[in-house]
Amino acid sequence: MTVICPGFVLTELHERAVSTASGPPKRKTENFMSAEECARICAHSIAIRENYHIMTWAAWAGSFVAALFPDLLDQVVARYSEASVVRE
């Protein structure tokens, strides 16, 4: 079994989750990993039978916070996602 903590991955879910009548918002994506890159890293970790693979410092911190304060982690992730939306 391989446990993978990828951090923030830019997927279609971001667009669909916060779309408005004018369409999906523009995002600051410099701190988001692409879905393709995440999939490549996951496939490699599984192929070499890693037990754990934590991809970013945010995922590392989140894995500890989730164990102790899961509701807090949900709030932090939601705020970070909202903060990535470019306000015009």
Protein backbone atom coordinates (compact mmCIF):
# COMPACT_ATOMS: atom_id res chain seq x y z
CA MET A 1 0.00 0.00 0.00
CA THR A 2 1.24 3.48 -0.86
CA VAL A 3 -0.05 6.59 0.93
CA ILE A 4 0.41 9.73 -1.16
CA CYS A 5 -0.06 13.33 0.02
CA PRO A 6 0.16 15.55 -3.06
CA GLY A 7 -0.64 19.01 -1.72
CA PHE A 8 -2.57 21.32 -4.05
CA VAL A 9 -3.27 19.93 -7.52
CA LEU A 10 -4.96 22.02 -10.20
CA THR A 11 -7.83 19.99 -11.65
CA GLU A 12 -11.19 20.56 -13.27
CA LEU A 13 -12.72 20.25 -9.82
CA HIS A 14 -11.49 23.76 -8.97
CA GLU A 15 -13.27 25.19 -11.97
CA ARG A 16 -16.50 23.30 -11.37
CA ALA A 17 -16.59 23.83 -7.62
CA VAL A 18 -16.53 27.62 -7.79
CA SER A 19 -17.95 28.43 -11.22
CA THR A 20 -20.29 31.37 -11.46
CA ALA A 21 -22.68 32.47 -14.17
CA SER A 22 -19.72 34.13 -15.92
CA GLY A 23 -17.72 30.89 -15.91
CA PRO A 24 -14.83 29.56 -13.87
CA PRO A 25 -12.61 32.11 -12.12
CA LYS A 26 -9.02 32.81 -13.08
CA ARG A 27 -6.58 31.40 -10.54
CA LYS A 28 -3.09 32.08 -9.33
CA THR A 29 -1.65 28.66 -10.09
CA GLU A 30 2.06 29.04 -9.37
CA ASN A 31 1.71 27.01 -6.14
CA PHE A 32 -0.51 24.30 -7.67
CA MET A 33 0.86 21.10 -9.18
CA SER A 34 -0.57 19.99 -12.51
CA ALA A 35 -2.70 16.86 -12.53
CA GLU A 36 -0.30 15.29 -15.02
CA GLU A 37 2.73 15.88 -12.81
CA CYS A 38 0.88 14.53 -9.79
CA ALA A 39 -0.15 11.39 -11.70
CA ARG A 40 3.44 10.84 -12.87
CA ILE A 41 4.80 11.10 -9.32
CA CYS A 42 2.03 8.85 -7.95
CA ALA A 43 2.69 6.19 -10.60
CA HIS A 44 6.41 6.24 -9.81
CA SER A 45 5.82 5.99 -6.05
CA ILE A 46 3.49 3.03 -6.55
CA ALA A 47 5.88 1.33 -8.99
CA ILE A 48 8.77 1.44 -6.52
CA ARG A 49 6.45 0.39 -3.68
CA GLU A 50 7.00 3.42 -1.45
CA ASN A 51 5.04 3.29 1.78
CA TYR A 52 4.57 7.07 1.99
CA HIS A 53 5.21 9.89 -0.44
CA ILE A 54 4.59 13.45 0.73
CA MET A 55 5.10 15.79 -2.24
CA THR A 56 5.14 19.30 -0.73
CA TRP A 57 5.73 21.08 2.56
CA ALA A 58 2.01 21.95 2.65
CA ALA A 59 1.08 18.27 2.32
CA TRP A 60 3.61 17.39 5.03
CA ALA A 61 2.14 19.96 7.41
CA GLY A 62 -1.40 19.02 6.42
CA SER A 63 -0.84 15.36 7.19
CA PHE A 64 0.01 16.24 10.79
CA VAL A 65 -2.78 18.78 11.19
CA ALA A 66 -5.33 16.34 9.72
CA ALA A 67 -4.50 13.73 12.32
CA LEU A 68 -5.07 16.15 15.19
CA PHE A 69 -7.52 18.74 13.84
CA PRO A 70 -9.30 17.52 10.69
CA ASP A 71 -11.84 20.38 10.71
CA LEU A 72 -9.05 22.94 10.91
CA LEU A 73 -7.35 21.41 7.88
CA ASP A 74 -10.61 21.66 5.90
CA GLN A 75 -10.85 25.36 6.77
CA VAL A 76 -7.24 26.05 5.79
CA VAL A 77 -7.61 24.25 2.46
CA ALA A 78 -10.85 26.10 1.67
CA ARG A 79 -9.26 29.48 2.46
CA TYR A 80 -6.18 28.70 0.39
CA SER A 81 -8.35 27.68 -2.54
CA GLU A 82 -10.44 30.85 -2.25
CA ALA A 83 -7.29 32.98 -1.97
CA SER A 84 -6.00 31.57 -5.26
CA VAL A 85 -8.93 33.14 -7.16
CA VAL A 86 -7.89 36.33 -8.98
CA ARG A 87 -10.23 39.18 -8.07
CA GLU A 88 -10.88 41.62 -10.86
